[in-house]
Amino acid sequence: KILVTGAAGFIGGQLWHTLWKRGDEVVGIDNFSYGNL
């Protein structure tokens, strides 16, 4: 079980996607000051 902060950023989003493809349970959080859906 993994937390990714800044999950809607350039790096955070791709990290989340990689972890998801690997089968990890991921929670992603972002305050969207820089992140984007």
PDB file of all heavy atoms in Angstrom:
ATOM      1  N   LYS A   1       0.847  -1.188   0.000  1.00  0.00           N
ATOM      2  CA  LYS A   1       0.000   0.000   0.000  1.00  0.00           C
ATOM      3  C   LYS A   1       0.883   1.238   0.000  1.00  0.00           C
ATOM      4  O   LYS A   1       1.736   1.411   0.879  1.00  0.00           O
ATOM      5  CB  LYS A   1      -0.939   0.016   1.202  1.00  0.00           C
ATOM      6  CG  LYS A   1      -2.030   1.074   1.078  1.00  0.00           C
ATOM      7  CD  LYS A   1      -3.199   0.785   1.975  1.00  0.00           C
ATOM      8  CE  LYS A   1      -4.387   1.664   1.645  1.00  0.00           C
ATOM      9  NZ  LYS A   1      -5.546   1.369   2.522  1.00  0.00           N
ATOM     10  N   ILE A   2       0.668   2.101  -0.969  1.00  0.00           N
ATOM     11  CA  ILE A   2       1.589   3.202  -1.220  1.00  0.00           C
ATOM     12  C   ILE A   2       0.836   4.519  -1.326  1.00  0.00           C
ATOM     13  O   ILE A   2      -0.228   4.601  -1.948  1.00  0.00           O
ATOM     14  CB  ILE A   2       2.374   2.944  -2.516  1.00  0.00           C
ATOM     15  CG1 ILE A   2       3.218   1.664  -2.379  1.00  0.00           C
ATOM     16  CG2 ILE A   2       3.262   4.135  -2.875  1.00  0.00           C
ATOM     17  CD1 ILE A   2       3.909   1.238  -3.658  1.00  0.00           C
ATOM     18  N   LEU A   3       1.412   5.571  -0.747  1.00  0.00           N
ATOM     19  CA  LEU A   3       0.915   6.935  -0.908  1.00  0.00           C
ATOM     20  C   LEU A   3       1.830   7.675  -1.866  1.00  0.00           C
ATOM     21  O   LEU A   3       3.052   7.644  -1.726  1.00  0.00           O
ATOM     22  CB  LEU A   3       0.886   7.671   0.435  1.00  0.00           C
ATOM     23  CG  LEU A   3       0.575   9.178   0.364  1.00  0.00           C
ATOM     24  CD1 LEU A   3      -0.858   9.414  -0.111  1.00  0.00           C
ATOM     25  CD2 LEU A   3       0.817   9.841   1.718  1.00  0.00           C
ATOM     26  N   VAL A   4       1.233   8.365  -2.846  1.00  0.00           N
ATOM     27  CA  VAL A   4       1.972   9.246  -3.740  1.00  0.00           C
ATOM     28  C   VAL A   4       1.417  10.650  -3.557  1.00  0.00           C
ATOM     29  O   VAL A   4       0.239  10.893  -3.829  1.00  0.00           O
ATOM     30  CB  VAL A   4       1.845   8.819  -5.216  1.00  0.00           C
ATOM     31  CG1 VAL A   4       2.557   9.821  -6.125  1.00  0.00           C
ATOM     32  CG2 VAL A   4       2.413   7.418  -5.436  1.00  0.00           C
ATOM     33  N   THR A   5       2.234  11.570  -3.075  1.00  0.00           N
ATOM     34  CA  THR A   5       1.822  12.970  -2.992  1.00  0.00           C
ATOM     35  C   THR A   5       2.263  13.680  -4.275  1.00  0.00           C
ATOM     36  O   THR A   5       3.155  13.218  -4.979  1.00  0.00           O
ATOM     37  CB  THR A   5       2.444  13.681  -1.780  1.00  0.00           C
ATOM     38  OG1 THR A   5       3.843  13.901  -2.030  1.00  0.00           O
ATOM     39  CG2 THR A   5       2.277  12.843  -0.521  1.00  0.00           C
ATOM     40  N   GLY A   6       1.606  14.792  -4.587  1.00  0.00           N
ATOM     41  CA  GLY A   6       1.890  15.434  -5.865  1.00  0.00           C
ATOM     42  C   GLY A   6       1.520  14.528  -7.019  1.00  0.00           C
ATOM     43  O   GLY A   6       2.141  14.537  -8.081  1.00  0.00           O
ATOM     44  N   ALA A   7       0.466  13.749  -6.821  1.00  0.00           N
ATOM     45  CA  ALA A   7       0.119  12.673  -7.753  1.00  0.00           C
ATOM     46  C   ALA A   7      -0.390  13.178  -9.098  1.00  0.00           C
ATOM     47  O   ALA A   7      -0.393  12.425 -10.069  1.00  0.00           O
ATOM     48  CB  ALA A   7      -0.933  11.757  -7.118  1.00  0.00           C
ATOM     49  N   ALA A   8      -0.829  14.429  -9.173  1.00  0.00           N
ATOM     50  CA  ALA A   8      -1.343  14.968 -10.429  1.00  0.00           C
ATOM     51  C   ALA A   8      -0.302  15.786 -11.175  1.00  0.00           C
ATOM     52  O   ALA A   8      -0.633  16.544 -12.085  1.00  0.00           O
ATOM     53  CB  ALA A   8      -2.589  15.815 -10.177  1.00  0.00           C
ATOM     54  N   GLY A   9       0.961  15.627 -10.801  1.00  0.00           N
ATOM     55  CA  GLY A   9       2.037  16.312 -11.499  1.00  0.00           C
ATOM     56  C   GLY A   9       2.643  15.446 -12.584  1.00  0.00           C
ATOM     57  O   GLY A   9       2.284  14.277 -12.762  1.00  0.00           O
ATOM     58  N   PHE A  10       3.586  16.002 -13.309  1.00  0.00           N
ATOM     59  CA  PHE A  10       4.276  15.309 -14.397  1.00  0.00           C
ATOM     60  C   PHE A  10       4.907  14.006 -13.924  1.00  0.00           C
ATOM     61  O   PHE A  10       4.704  12.936 -14.519  1.00  0.00           O
ATOM     62  CB  PHE A  10       5.318  16.272 -14.983  1.00  0.00           C
ATOM     63  CG  PHE A  10       6.427  15.638 -15.777  1.00  0.00           C
ATOM     64  CD1 PHE A  10       6.163  14.698 -16.764  1.00  0.00           C
ATOM     65  CD2 PHE A  10       7.751  16.013 -15.557  1.00  0.00           C
ATOM     66  CE1 PHE A  10       7.199  14.131 -17.506  1.00  0.00           C
ATOM     67  CE2 PHE A  10       8.783  15.457 -16.290  1.00  0.00           C
ATOM     68  CZ  PHE A  10       8.510  14.517 -17.264  1.00  0.00           C
ATOM     69  N   ILE A  11       5.649  14.039 -12.834  1.00  0.00           N
ATOM     70  CA  ILE A  11       6.319  12.841 -12.323  1.00  0.00           C
ATOM     71  C   ILE A  11       5.362  11.996 -11.494  1.00  0.00           C
ATOM     72  O   ILE A  11       5.306  10.773 -11.637  1.00  0.00           O
ATOM     73  CB  ILE A  11       7.557  13.228 -11.494  1.00  0.00           C
ATOM     74  CG1 ILE A  11       8.575  13.963 -12.368  1.00  0.00           C
ATOM     75  CG2 ILE A  11       8.201  11.989 -10.867  1.00  0.00           C
ATOM     76  CD1 ILE A  11       9.728  14.582 -11.591  1.00  0.00           C
ATOM     77  N   GLY A  12       4.599  12.625 -10.602  1.00  0.00           N
ATOM     78  CA  GLY A  12       3.703  11.887  -9.715  1.00  0.00           C
ATOM     79  C   GLY A  12       2.684  11.051 -10.458  1.00  0.00           C
ATOM     80  O   GLY A  12       2.410   9.902 -10.083  1.00  0.00           O
ATOM     81  N   GLY A  13       2.116  11.607 -11.533  1.00  0.00           N
ATOM     82  CA  GLY A  13       1.123  10.863 -12.299  1.00  0.00           C
ATOM     83  C   GLY A  13       1.713   9.625 -12.955  1.00  0.00           C
ATOM     84  O   GLY A  13       1.097   8.553 -12.964  1.00  0.00           O
ATOM     85  N   GLN A  14       2.905   9.752 -13.505  1.00  0.00           N
ATOM     86  CA  GLN A  14       3.522   8.600 -14.164  1.00  0.00           C
ATOM     87  C   GLN A  14       4.006   7.561 -13.159  1.00  0.00           C
ATOM     88  O   GLN A  14       3.985   6.359 -13.436  1.00  0.00           O
ATOM     89  CB  GLN A  14       4.657   9.079 -15.066  1.00  0.00           C
ATOM     90  CG  GLN A  14       4.130   9.960 -16.195  1.00  0.00           C
ATOM     91  CD  GLN A  14       5.114  10.151 -17.310  1.00  0.00           C
ATOM     92  OE1 GLN A  14       5.481   9.210 -18.018  1.00  0.00           O
ATOM     93  NE2 GLN A  14       5.547  11.386 -17.493  1.00  0.00           N
ATOM     94  N   LEU A  15       4.429   8.013 -11.988  1.00  0.00           N
ATOM     95  CA  LEU A  15       4.783   7.066 -10.927  1.00  0.00           C
ATOM     96  C   LEU A  15       3.551   6.276 -10.493  1.00  0.00           C
ATOM     97  O   LEU A  15       3.613   5.045 -10.338  1.00  0.00           O
ATOM     98  CB  LEU A  15       5.382   7.815  -9.743  1.00  0.00           C
ATOM     99  CG  LEU A  15       5.680   6.977  -8.494  1.00  0.00           C
ATOM    100  CD1 LEU A  15       6.696   5.874  -8.794  1.00  0.00           C
ATOM    101  CD2 LEU A  15       6.172   7.867  -7.354  1.00  0.00           C
ATOM    102  N   TRP A  16       2.441   6.964 -10.273  1.00  0.00           N
ATOM    103  CA  TRP A  16       1.189   6.297  -9.891  1.00  0.00           C
ATOM    104  C   TRP A  16       0.811   5.253 -10.939  1.00  0.00           C
ATOM    105  O   TRP A  16       0.469   4.103 -10.602  1.00  0.00           O
ATOM    106  CB  TRP A  16       0.090   7.342  -9.751  1.00  0.00           C
ATOM    107  CG  TRP A  16      -1.208   6.833  -9.178  1.00  0.00           C
ATOM    108  CD1 TRP A  16      -1.562   5.546  -8.919  1.00  0.00           C
ATOM    109  CD2 TRP A  16      -2.335   7.631  -8.779  1.00  0.00           C
ATOM    110  NE1 TRP A  16      -2.824   5.478  -8.395  1.00  0.00           N
ATOM    111  CE2 TRP A  16      -3.321   6.745  -8.297  1.00  0.00           C
ATOM    112  CE3 TRP A  16      -2.591   9.003  -8.797  1.00  0.00           C
ATOM    113  CZ2 TRP A  16      -4.557   7.207  -7.840  1.00  0.00           C
ATOM    114  CZ3 TRP A  16      -3.820   9.450  -8.338  1.00  0.00           C
ATOM    115  CH2 TRP A  16      -4.788   8.555  -7.865  1.00  0.00           C
ATOM    116  N   HIS A  17       0.874   5.630 -12.201  1.00  0.00           N
ATOM    117  CA  HIS A  17       0.509   4.707 -13.274  1.00  0.00           C
ATOM    118  C   HIS A  17       1.397   3.467 -13.269  1.00  0.00           C
ATOM    119  O   HIS A  17       0.918   2.335 -13.429  1.00  0.00           O
ATOM    120  CB  HIS A  17       0.617   5.439 -14.616  1.00  0.00           C
ATOM    121  CG  HIS A  17       0.169   4.626 -15.791  1.00  0.00           C
ATOM    122  ND1 HIS A  17       0.925   4.472 -16.927  1.00  0.00           N
ATOM    123  CD2 HIS A  17      -0.964   3.898 -16.007  1.00  0.00           C
ATOM    124  CE1 HIS A  17       0.285   3.704 -17.789  1.00  0.00           C
ATOM    125  NE2 HIS A  17      -0.862   3.333 -17.260  1.00  0.00           N
ATOM    126  N   THR A  18       2.694   3.656 -13.058  1.00  0.00           N
ATOM    127  CA  THR A  18       3.636   2.528 -13.025  1.00  0.00           C
ATOM    128  C   THR A  18       3.335   1.603 -11.852  1.00  0.00           C
ATOM    129  O   THR A  18       3.337   0.369 -11.994  1.00  0.00           O
ATOM    130  CB  THR A  18       5.073   3.046 -12.937  1.00  0.00           C
ATOM    131  OG1 THR A  18       5.357   3.876 -14.072  1.00  0.00           O
ATOM    132  CG2 THR A  18       6.061   1.887 -12.899  1.00  0.00           C
ATOM    133  N   LEU A  19       3.085   2.175 -10.682  1.00  0.00           N
ATOM    134  CA  LEU A  19       2.765   1.372  -9.501  1.00  0.00           C
ATOM    135  C   LEU A  19       1.458   0.615  -9.701  1.00  0.00           C
ATOM    136  O   LEU A  19       1.328  -0.556  -9.306  1.00  0.00           O
ATOM    137  CB  LEU A  19       2.675   2.267  -8.268  1.00  0.00           C
ATOM    138  CG  LEU A  19       3.982   2.930  -7.821  1.00  0.00           C
ATOM    139  CD1 LEU A  19       3.699   4.008  -6.781  1.00  0.00           C
ATOM    140  CD2 LEU A  19       4.956   1.892  -7.263  1.00  0.00           C
ATOM    141  N   TRP A  20       0.476   1.273 -10.291  1.00  0.00           N
ATOM    142  CA  TRP A  20      -0.827   0.643 -10.557  1.00  0.00           C
ATOM    143  C   TRP A  20      -0.666  -0.549 -11.499  1.00  0.00           C
ATOM    144  O   TRP A  20      -1.245  -1.613 -11.275  1.00  0.00           O
ATOM    145  CB  TRP A  20      -1.770   1.690 -11.152  1.00  0.00           C
ATOM    146  CG  TRP A  20      -3.078   1.156 -11.630  1.00  0.00           C
ATOM    147  CD1 TRP A  20      -4.182   0.856 -10.886  1.00  0.00           C
ATOM    148  CD2 TRP A  20      -3.443   0.869 -12.994  1.00  0.00           C
ATOM    149  NE1 TRP A  20      -5.199   0.397 -11.686  1.00  0.00           N
ATOM    150  CE2 TRP A  20      -4.772   0.398 -12.989  1.00  0.00           C
ATOM    151  CE3 TRP A  20      -2.764   0.974 -14.209  1.00  0.00           C
ATOM    152  CZ2 TRP A  20      -5.431   0.034 -14.157  1.00  0.00           C
ATOM    153  CZ3 TRP A  20      -3.421   0.603 -15.375  1.00  0.00           C
ATOM    154  CH2 TRP A  20      -4.738   0.130 -15.336  1.00  0.00           C
ATOM    155  N   LYS A  21       0.125  -0.379 -12.552  1.00  0.00           N
ATOM    156  CA  LYS A  21       0.348  -1.482 -13.496  1.00  0.00           C
ATOM    157  C   LYS A  21       1.059  -2.649 -12.819  1.00  0.00           C
ATOM    158  O   LYS A  21       0.854  -3.812 -13.203  1.00  0.00           O
ATOM    159  CB  LYS A  21       1.159  -0.997 -14.703  1.00  0.00           C
ATOM    160  CG  LYS A  21       0.405  -0.079 -15.638  1.00  0.00           C
ATOM    161  CD  LYS A  21       1.122   0.108 -16.961  1.00  0.00           C
ATOM    162  CE  LYS A  21       2.459   0.771 -16.774  1.00  0.00           C
ATOM    163  NZ  LYS A  21       3.130   1.010 -18.087  1.00  0.00           N
ATOM    164  N   ARG A  22       1.867  -2.345 -11.810  1.00  0.00           N
ATOM    165  CA  ARG A  22       2.582  -3.393 -11.098  1.00  0.00           C
ATOM    166  C   ARG A  22       1.680  -4.139 -10.124  1.00  0.00           C
ATOM    167  O   ARG A  22       2.040  -5.215  -9.617  1.00  0.00           O
ATOM    168  CB  ARG A  22       3.771  -2.769 -10.359  1.00  0.00           C
ATOM    169  CG  ARG A  22       4.789  -3.760  -9.885  1.00  0.00           C
ATOM    170  CD  ARG A  22       5.976  -3.076  -9.251  1.00  0.00           C
ATOM    171  NE  ARG A  22       5.660  -2.454  -7.963  1.00  0.00           N
ATOM    172  CZ  ARG A  22       6.563  -1.965  -7.118  1.00  0.00           C
ATOM    173  NH1 ARG A  22       7.846  -2.002  -7.451  1.00  0.00           N
ATOM    174  NH2 ARG A  22       6.205  -1.421  -5.982  1.00  0.00           N
ATOM    175  N   GLY A  23       0.520  -3.569  -9.816  1.00  0.00           N
ATOM    176  CA  GLY A  23      -0.419  -4.231  -8.933  1.00  0.00           C
ATOM    177  C   GLY A  23      -0.461  -3.707  -7.515  1.00  0.00           C
ATOM    178  O   GLY A  23      -1.131  -4.286  -6.651  1.00  0.00           O
ATOM    179  N   ASP A  24       0.246  -2.602  -7.249  1.00  0.00           N
ATOM    180  CA  ASP A  24       0.229  -2.023  -5.907  1.00  0.00           C
ATOM    181  C   ASP A  24      -1.089  -1.300  -5.656  1.00  0.00           C
ATOM    182  O   ASP A  24      -1.749  -0.823  -6.586  1.00  0.00           O
ATOM    183  CB  ASP A  24       1.385  -1.032  -5.743  1.00  0.00           C
ATOM    184  CG  ASP A  24       2.736  -1.719  -5.765  1.00  0.00           C
ATOM    185  OD1 ASP A  24       2.936  -2.645  -4.962  1.00  0.00           O
ATOM    186  OD2 ASP A  24       3.591  -1.343  -6.587  1.00  0.00           O
ATOM    187  N   GLU A  25      -1.454  -1.193  -4.389  1.00  0.00           N
ATOM    188  CA  GLU A  25      -2.610  -0.397  -3.990  1.00  0.00           C
ATOM    189  C   GLU A  25      -2.111   1.017  -3.706  1.00  0.00           C
ATOM    190  O   GLU A  25      -1.315   1.227  -2.793  1.00  0.00           O
ATOM    191  CB  GLU A  25      -3.267  -0.990  -2.742  1.00  0.00           C
ATOM    192  CG  GLU A  25      -4.520  -0.251  -2.305  1.00  0.00           C
ATOM    193  CD  GLU A  25      -5.152  -0.849  -1.062  1.00  0.00           C
ATOM    194  OE1 GLU A  25      -4.642  -1.893  -0.584  1.00  0.00           O
ATOM    195  OE2 GLU A  25      -6.136  -0.273  -0.561  1.00  0.00           O
ATOM    196  N   VAL A  26      -2.571   1.975  -4.486  1.00  0.00           N
ATOM    197  CA  VAL A  26      -2.020   3.327  -4.431  1.00  0.00           C
ATOM    198  C   VAL A  26      -3.091   4.342  -4.072  1.00  0.00           C
ATOM    199  O   VAL A  26      -4.197   4.316  -4.610  1.00  0.00           O
ATOM    200  CB  VAL A  26      -1.380   3.720  -5.772  1.00  0.00           C
ATOM    201  CG1 VAL A  26      -0.751   5.116  -5.683  1.00  0.00           C
ATOM    202  CG2 VAL A  26      -0.333   2.692  -6.209  1.00  0.00           C
ATOM    203  N   VAL A  27      -2.745   5.239  -3.159  1.00  0.00           N
ATOM    204  CA  VAL A  27      -3.556   6.415  -2.869  1.00  0.00           C
ATOM    205  C   VAL A  27      -2.775   7.617  -3.375  1.00  0.00           C
ATOM    206  O   VAL A  27      -1.612   7.809  -3.010  1.00  0.00           O
ATOM    207  CB  VAL A  27      -3.840   6.562  -1.361  1.00  0.00           C
ATOM    208  CG1 VAL A  27      -4.540   7.897  -1.070  1.00  0.00           C
ATOM    209  CG2 VAL A  27      -4.685   5.394  -0.862  1.00  0.00           C
ATOM    210  N   GLY A  28      -3.402   8.416  -4.237  1.00  0.00           N
ATOM    211  CA  GLY A  28      -2.751   9.606  -4.765  1.00  0.00           C
ATOM    212  C   GLY A  28      -3.413  10.858  -4.240  1.00  0.00           C
ATOM    213  O   GLY A  28      -4.646  10.953  -4.227  1.00  0.00           O
ATOM    214  N   ILE A  29      -2.617  11.818  -3.771  1.00  0.00           N
ATOM    215  CA  ILE A  29      -3.173  13.082  -3.286  1.00  0.00           C
ATOM    216  C   ILE A  29      -2.467  14.247  -3.970  1.00  0.00           C
ATOM    217  O   ILE A  29      -1.309  14.142  -4.379  1.00  0.00           O
ATOM    218  CB  ILE A  29      -3.058  13.227  -1.746  1.00  0.00           C
ATOM    219  CG1 ILE A  29      -1.592  13.352  -1.305  1.00  0.00           C
ATOM    220  CG2 ILE A  29      -3.749  12.062  -1.047  1.00  0.00           C
ATOM    221  CD1 ILE A  29      -1.434  13.705   0.170  1.00  0.00           C
ATOM    222  N   ASP A  30      -3.196  15.358  -4.099  1.00  0.00           N
ATOM    223  CA  ASP A  30      -2.645  16.561  -4.719  1.00  0.00           C
ATOM    224  C   ASP A  30      -3.548  17.735  -4.336  1.00  0.00           C
ATOM    225  O   ASP A  30      -4.763  17.560  -4.246  1.00  0.00           O
ATOM    226  CB  ASP A  30      -2.601  16.413  -6.242  1.00  0.00           C
ATOM    227  CG  ASP A  30      -1.590  17.332  -6.898  1.00  0.00           C
ATOM    228  OD1 ASP A  30      -1.744  18.562  -6.786  1.00  0.00           O
ATOM    229  OD2 ASP A  30      -0.642  16.814  -7.525  1.00  0.00           O
ATOM    230  N   ASN A  31      -2.970  18.906  -4.115  1.00  0.00           N
ATOM    231  CA  ASN A  31      -3.811  20.070  -3.826  1.00  0.00           C
ATOM    232  C   ASN A  31      -4.097  20.897  -5.078  1.00  0.00           C
ATOM    233  O   ASN A  31      -4.789  21.908  -5.023  1.00  0.00           O
ATOM    234  CB  ASN A  31      -3.185  20.951  -2.741  1.00  0.00           C
ATOM    235  CG  ASN A  31      -1.956  21.712  -3.230  1.00  0.00           C
ATOM    236  OD1 ASN A  31      -1.455  21.496  -4.334  1.00  0.00           O
ATOM    237  ND2 ASN A  31      -1.460  22.604  -2.394  1.00  0.00           N
ATOM    238  N   PHE A  32      -3.542  20.479  -6.217  1.00  0.00           N
ATOM    239  CA  PHE A  32      -3.786  21.072  -7.532  1.00  0.00           C
ATOM    240  C   PHE A  32      -3.335  22.528  -7.638  1.00  0.00           C
ATOM    241  O   PHE A  32      -3.855  23.279  -8.460  1.00  0.00           O
ATOM    242  CB  PHE A  32      -5.258  20.916  -7.945  1.00  0.00           C
ATOM    243  CG  PHE A  32      -5.594  19.498  -8.306  1.00  0.00           C
ATOM    244  CD1 PHE A  32      -6.053  18.613  -7.338  1.00  0.00           C
ATOM    245  CD2 PHE A  32      -5.401  19.030  -9.590  1.00  0.00           C
ATOM    246  CE1 PHE A  32      -6.332  17.292  -7.657  1.00  0.00           C
ATOM    247  CE2 PHE A  32      -5.679  17.713  -9.918  1.00  0.00           C
ATOM    248  CZ  PHE A  32      -6.139  16.841  -8.951  1.00  0.00           C
ATOM    249  N   SER A  33      -2.353  22.916  -6.855  1.00  0.00           N
ATOM    250  CA  SER A  33      -1.755  24.231  -7.073  1.00  0.00           C
ATOM    251  C   SER A  33      -0.886  24.211  -8.326  1.00  0.00           C
ATOM    252  O   SER A  33      -0.745  25.221  -9.013  1.00  0.00           O
ATOM    253  CB  SER A  33      -0.934  24.653  -5.856  1.00  0.00           C
ATOM    254  OG  SER A  33       0.076  23.716  -5.570  1.00  0.00           O
ATOM    255  N   TYR A  34      -0.298  23.058  -8.631  1.00  0.00           N
ATOM    256  CA  TYR A  34       0.459  22.860  -9.862  1.00  0.00           C
ATOM    257  C   TYR A  34      -0.037  21.638 -10.637  1.00  0.00           C
ATOM    258  O   TYR A  34       0.135  21.563 -11.843  1.00  0.00           O
ATOM    259  CB  TYR A  34       1.955  22.686  -9.559  1.00  0.00           C
ATOM    260  CG  TYR A  34       2.616  23.931  -9.044  1.00  0.00           C
ATOM    261  CD1 TYR A  34       2.638  24.220  -7.687  1.00  0.00           C
ATOM    262  CD2 TYR A  34       3.212  24.836  -9.913  1.00  0.00           C
ATOM    263  CE1 TYR A  34       3.238  25.370  -7.207  1.00  0.00           C
ATOM    264  CE2 TYR A  34       3.815  25.991  -9.444  1.00  0.00           C
ATOM    265  CZ  TYR A  34       3.820  26.250  -8.083  1.00  0.00           C
ATOM    266  OH  TYR A  34       4.409  27.396  -7.625  1.00  0.00           O
ATOM    267  N   GLY A  35      -0.627  20.687  -9.954  1.00  0.00           N
ATOM    268  CA  GLY A  35      -1.077  19.465 -10.607  1.00  0.00           C
ATOM    269  C   GLY A  35      -2.262  19.694 -11.523  1.00  0.00           C
ATOM    270  O   GLY A  35      -2.932  20.729 -11.471  1.00  0.00           O
ATOM    271  N   ASN A  36      -2.531  18.721 -12.380  1.00  0.00           N
ATOM    272  CA  ASN A  36      -3.611  18.825 -13.349  1.00  0.00           C
ATOM    273  C   ASN A  36      -4.183  17.435 -13.601  1.00  0.00           C
ATOM    274  O   ASN A  36      -3.431  16.463 -13.726  1.00  0.00           O
ATOM    275  CB  ASN A  36      -3.080  19.425 -14.650  1.00  0.00           C
ATOM    276  CG  ASN A  36      -4.193  19.892 -15.564  1.00  0.00           C
ATOM    277  OD1 ASN A  36      -4.919  19.076 -16.118  1.00  0.00           O
ATOM    278  ND2 ASN A  36      -4.311  21.196 -15.728  1.00  0.00           N
ATOM    279  N   LEU A  37      -5.492  17.356 -13.685  1.00  0.00           N
ATOM    280  CA  LEU A  37      -6.135  16.062 -13.928  1.00  0.00           C
ATOM    281  C   LEU A  37      -5.672  15.430 -15.237  1.00  0.00           C
ATOM    282  O   LEU A  37      -5.709  14.205 -15.394  1.00  0.00           O
ATOM    283  CB  LEU A  37      -7.653  16.210 -13.930  1.00  0.00           C
ATOM    284  CG  LEU A  37      -8.315  16.392 -12.568  1.00  0.00           C
ATOM    285  CD1 LEU A  37      -9.811  16.640 -12.738  1.00  0.00           C
ATOM    286  CD2 LEU A  37      -8.079  15.180 -11.680  1.00  0.00           C
TER     287      LEU A  37
END
